[in-house]
Amino acid sequence: MTIVKFNVPFESLVEAITSLDLEKKRELLEILEDLVFESEESLEQEPQVMADIEEARKAYQRGDYQTIQEYIASKSGKTS
């Protein structure tokens, strides 16, 4: 398979995708989902991301976290 790289304005890309039939859109969606999954897996292996995850785990073990309910209450001015 030959890969050719070129720049396409995002708006043109959206326009081209809009013109595809449903089957081609589904095929494109599958390709994009695979690419996103691969990118997310690669991201998880980056040293800074791994360090951030480890720090978050340590904070959780120390009890240094806020529940979603506490967060929502703090943003709405309520206290629990």
N, C-alpha and C. Protein backbone atom coordinates (compact mmCIF):
# COMPACT_ATOMS: atom_id res chain seq x y z
N MET A 1 0.84 -1.18 0.00
CA MET A 1 0.00 0.00 0.00
C MET A 1 0.89 1.24 0.00
N THR A 2 0.62 2.15 -0.89
CA THR A 2 1.36 3.39 -0.98
C THR A 2 0.62 4.46 -0.20
N ILE A 3 1.37 5.21 0.61
CA ILE A 3 0.77 6.28 1.40
C ILE A 3 1.27 7.61 0.85
N VAL A 4 0.33 8.48 0.56
CA VAL A 4 0.65 9.82 0.09
C VAL A 4 0.13 10.79 1.14
N LYS A 5 1.01 11.66 1.63
CA LYS A 5 0.61 12.64 2.63
C LYS A 5 0.46 14.01 1.99
N PHE A 6 -0.64 14.66 2.30
CA PHE A 6 -0.86 16.02 1.82
C PHE A 6 -1.81 16.72 2.77
N ASN A 7 -1.80 18.03 2.75
CA ASN A 7 -2.65 18.81 3.62
C ASN A 7 -3.95 19.17 2.93
N VAL A 8 -5.05 18.92 3.64
CA VAL A 8 -6.38 19.27 3.14
C VAL A 8 -7.02 20.16 4.19
N PRO A 9 -7.53 21.30 3.81
CA PRO A 9 -8.22 22.14 4.80
C PRO A 9 -9.35 21.34 5.45
N PHE A 10 -9.51 21.52 6.75
CA PHE A 10 -10.49 20.75 7.50
C PHE A 10 -11.89 20.91 6.92
N GLU A 11 -12.25 22.12 6.53
CA GLU A 11 -13.56 22.37 5.96
C GLU A 11 -13.78 21.55 4.69
N SER A 12 -12.74 21.43 3.88
CA SER A 12 -12.84 20.63 2.65
C SER A 12 -13.00 19.16 2.98
N LEU A 13 -12.32 18.73 4.01
CA LEU A 13 -12.43 17.34 4.44
C LEU A 13 -13.85 17.04 4.92
N VAL A 14 -14.40 17.93 5.72
CA VAL A 14 -15.78 17.76 6.20
C VAL A 14 -16.75 17.73 5.03
N GLU A 15 -16.55 18.60 4.08
CA GLU A 15 -17.42 18.65 2.91
C GLU A 15 -17.33 17.34 2.12
N ALA A 16 -16.12 16.81 1.96
CA ALA A 16 -15.94 15.55 1.23
C ALA A 16 -16.61 14.40 1.97
N ILE A 17 -16.48 14.38 3.29
CA ILE A 17 -17.10 13.31 4.09
C ILE A 17 -18.61 13.40 4.00
N THR A 18 -19.15 14.61 4.03
CA THR A 18 -20.59 14.81 3.95
C THR A 18 -21.16 14.24 2.65
N SER A 19 -20.37 14.28 1.60
CA SER A 19 -20.85 13.82 0.30
C SER A 19 -20.80 12.30 0.15
N LEU A 20 -20.18 11.59 1.09
CA LEU A 20 -20.09 10.12 1.00
C LEU A 20 -21.44 9.48 1.26
N ASP A 21 -21.62 8.27 0.68
CA ASP A 21 -22.84 7.52 1.00
C ASP A 21 -22.67 6.88 2.37
N LEU A 22 -23.75 6.36 2.91
CA LEU A 22 -23.77 5.84 4.28
C LEU A 22 -22.73 4.74 4.49
N GLU A 23 -22.61 3.83 3.55
CA GLU A 23 -21.65 2.72 3.71
C GLU A 23 -20.21 3.24 3.80
N LYS A 24 -19.87 4.20 2.98
CA LYS A 24 -18.51 4.78 3.02
C LYS A 24 -18.28 5.55 4.32
N LYS A 25 -19.33 6.23 4.82
CA LYS A 25 -19.20 6.92 6.11
C LYS A 25 -18.94 5.92 7.23
N ARG A 26 -19.64 4.79 7.20
CA ARG A 26 -19.42 3.75 8.21
C ARG A 26 -18.01 3.19 8.13
N GLU A 27 -17.54 2.98 6.91
CA GLU A 27 -16.18 2.48 6.71
C GLU A 27 -15.16 3.49 7.25
N LEU A 28 -15.38 4.75 6.96
CA LEU A 28 -14.50 5.80 7.46
C LEU A 28 -14.54 5.87 8.98
N LEU A 29 -15.73 5.74 9.56
CA LEU A 29 -15.87 5.75 11.01
C LEU A 29 -15.05 4.63 11.65
N GLU A 30 -15.11 3.45 11.06
CA GLU A 30 -14.33 2.31 11.59
C GLU A 30 -12.84 2.60 11.53
N ILE A 31 -12.39 3.17 10.44
CA ILE A 31 -10.97 3.51 10.30
C ILE A 31 -10.57 4.54 11.35
N LEU A 32 -11.40 5.58 11.52
CA LEU A 32 -11.09 6.62 12.50
C LEU A 32 -11.09 6.08 13.92
N GLU A 33 -12.04 5.21 14.25
CA GLU A 33 -12.07 4.62 15.59
C GLU A 33 -10.81 3.81 15.85
N ASP A 34 -10.34 3.05 14.86
CA ASP A 34 -9.11 2.28 15.02
C ASP A 34 -7.91 3.21 15.23
N LEU A 35 -7.86 4.28 14.46
CA LEU A 35 -6.74 5.22 14.59
C LEU A 35 -6.76 5.93 15.95
N VAL A 36 -7.93 6.31 16.42
CA VAL A 36 -8.04 6.97 17.73
C VAL A 36 -7.61 6.00 18.82
N PHE A 37 -8.06 4.75 18.74
CA PHE A 37 -7.69 3.75 19.73
C PHE A 37 -6.17 3.58 19.77
N GLU A 38 -5.54 3.46 18.60
CA GLU A 38 -4.09 3.30 18.54
C GLU A 38 -3.38 4.52 19.13
N SER A 39 -3.88 5.71 18.83
CA SER A 39 -3.27 6.94 19.35
C SER A 39 -3.40 7.01 20.87
N GLU A 40 -4.56 6.63 21.39
CA GLU A 40 -4.76 6.64 22.84
C GLU A 40 -3.86 5.64 23.53
N GLU A 41 -3.68 4.46 22.92
CA GLU A 41 -2.79 3.47 23.50
C GLU A 41 -1.36 3.99 23.54
N SER A 42 -0.93 4.64 22.46
CA SER A 42 0.42 5.20 22.41
C SER A 42 0.59 6.29 23.46
N LEU A 43 -0.43 7.12 23.61
CA LEU A 43 -0.38 8.21 24.57
C LEU A 43 -0.19 7.68 25.99
N GLU A 44 -0.87 6.58 26.31
CA GLU A 44 -0.77 6.01 27.65
C GLU A 44 0.64 5.54 28.00
N GLN A 45 1.48 5.32 27.00
CA GLN A 45 2.84 4.85 27.23
C GLN A 45 3.86 5.98 27.33
N GLU A 46 3.44 7.21 27.13
CA GLU A 46 4.37 8.33 27.23
C GLU A 46 4.77 8.55 28.69
N PRO A 47 6.04 8.81 28.94
CA PRO A 47 6.54 8.96 30.31
C PRO A 47 5.77 9.97 31.15
N GLN A 48 5.43 11.13 30.60
CA GLN A 48 4.72 12.14 31.38
C GLN A 48 3.33 11.66 31.76
N VAL A 49 2.65 11.00 30.83
CA VAL A 49 1.31 10.48 31.11
C VAL A 49 1.39 9.41 32.18
N MET A 50 2.37 8.53 32.07
CA MET A 50 2.54 7.47 33.07
C MET A 50 2.82 8.07 34.45
N ALA A 51 3.64 9.12 34.50
CA ALA A 51 3.94 9.79 35.77
C ALA A 51 2.69 10.45 36.34
N ASP A 52 1.89 11.08 35.49
CA ASP A 52 0.65 11.71 35.94
C ASP A 52 -0.33 10.67 36.50
N ILE A 53 -0.42 9.54 35.85
CA ILE A 53 -1.30 8.47 36.32
C ILE A 53 -0.83 7.95 37.68
N GLU A 54 0.46 7.76 37.81
CA GLU A 54 1.01 7.27 39.08
C GLU A 54 0.76 8.27 40.20
N GLU A 55 0.93 9.56 39.92
CA GLU A 55 0.67 10.59 40.93
C GLU A 55 -0.80 10.60 41.33
N ALA A 56 -1.68 10.43 40.34
CA ALA A 56 -3.12 10.38 40.64
C ALA A 56 -3.45 9.17 41.52
N ARG A 57 -2.83 8.04 41.25
CA ARG A 57 -3.05 6.84 42.08
C ARG A 57 -2.59 7.08 43.51
N LYS A 58 -1.46 7.70 43.66
CA LYS A 58 -0.94 7.99 45.01
C LYS A 58 -1.86 8.95 45.75
N ALA A 59 -2.34 9.97 45.05
CA ALA A 59 -3.26 10.93 45.67
C ALA A 59 -4.53 10.22 46.11
N TYR A 60 -5.03 9.33 45.29
CA TYR A 60 -6.25 8.58 45.63
C TYR A 60 -6.01 7.72 46.88
N GLN A 61 -4.87 7.06 46.92
CA GLN A 61 -4.55 6.22 48.08
C GLN A 61 -4.44 7.05 49.36
N ARG A 62 -3.97 8.29 49.24
CA ARG A 62 -3.87 9.19 50.39
C ARG A 62 -5.23 9.77 50.77
N GLY A 63 -6.21 9.57 49.94
CA GLY A 63 -7.52 10.16 50.19
C GLY A 63 -7.60 11.60 49.72
N ASP A 64 -6.62 12.00 48.92
CA ASP A 64 -6.54 13.37 48.42
C ASP A 64 -7.28 13.48 47.09
N TYR A 65 -8.60 13.44 47.18
CA TYR A 65 -9.42 13.55 45.98
C TYR A 65 -10.78 14.13 46.36
N GLN A 66 -11.54 14.49 45.35
CA GLN A 66 -12.86 15.08 45.56
C GLN A 66 -13.85 14.27 44.73
N THR A 67 -14.97 13.88 45.36
CA THR A 67 -15.99 13.15 44.61
C THR A 67 -16.68 14.10 43.64
N ILE A 68 -17.36 13.54 42.66
CA ILE A 68 -18.06 14.38 41.69
C ILE A 68 -19.15 15.19 42.38
N GLN A 69 -19.80 14.58 43.38
CA GLN A 69 -20.84 15.31 44.12
C GLN A 69 -20.24 16.50 44.86
N GLU A 70 -19.08 16.31 45.47
CA GLU A 70 -18.40 17.41 46.18
C GLU A 70 -18.00 18.51 45.20
N TYR A 71 -17.53 18.10 44.03
CA TYR A 71 -17.12 19.06 43.00
C TYR A 71 -18.32 19.89 42.55
N ILE A 72 -19.41 19.21 42.25
CA ILE A 72 -20.62 19.90 41.79
C ILE A 72 -21.12 20.86 42.87
N ALA A 73 -21.13 20.40 44.12
CA ALA A 73 -21.58 21.24 45.23
C ALA A 73 -20.68 22.47 45.37
N SER A 74 -19.37 22.29 45.21
CA SER A 74 -18.46 23.42 45.36
C SER A 74 -18.64 24.44 44.23
N LYS A 75 -18.99 23.98 43.05
CA LYS A 75 -19.19 24.88 41.91
C LYS A 75 -20.53 25.61 42.01
N SER A 76 -21.49 25.00 42.68
CA SER A 76 -22.81 25.66 42.79
C SER A 76 -22.92 26.47 44.08
N GLY A 77 -21.83 26.51 44.86
CA GLY A 77 -21.84 27.30 46.09
C GLY A 77 -22.40 26.58 47.29
N LYS A 78 -22.74 25.31 47.11
CA LYS A 78 -23.28 24.53 48.23
C LYS A 78 -22.12 23.87 48.98
N THR A 79 -22.35 23.58 50.24
CA THR A 79 -21.40 22.82 51.03
C THR A 79 -22.09 21.61 51.58
N SER A 80 -21.32 20.53 51.77
CA SER A 80 -21.95 19.30 52.29
C SER A 80 -21.60 19.06 53.73
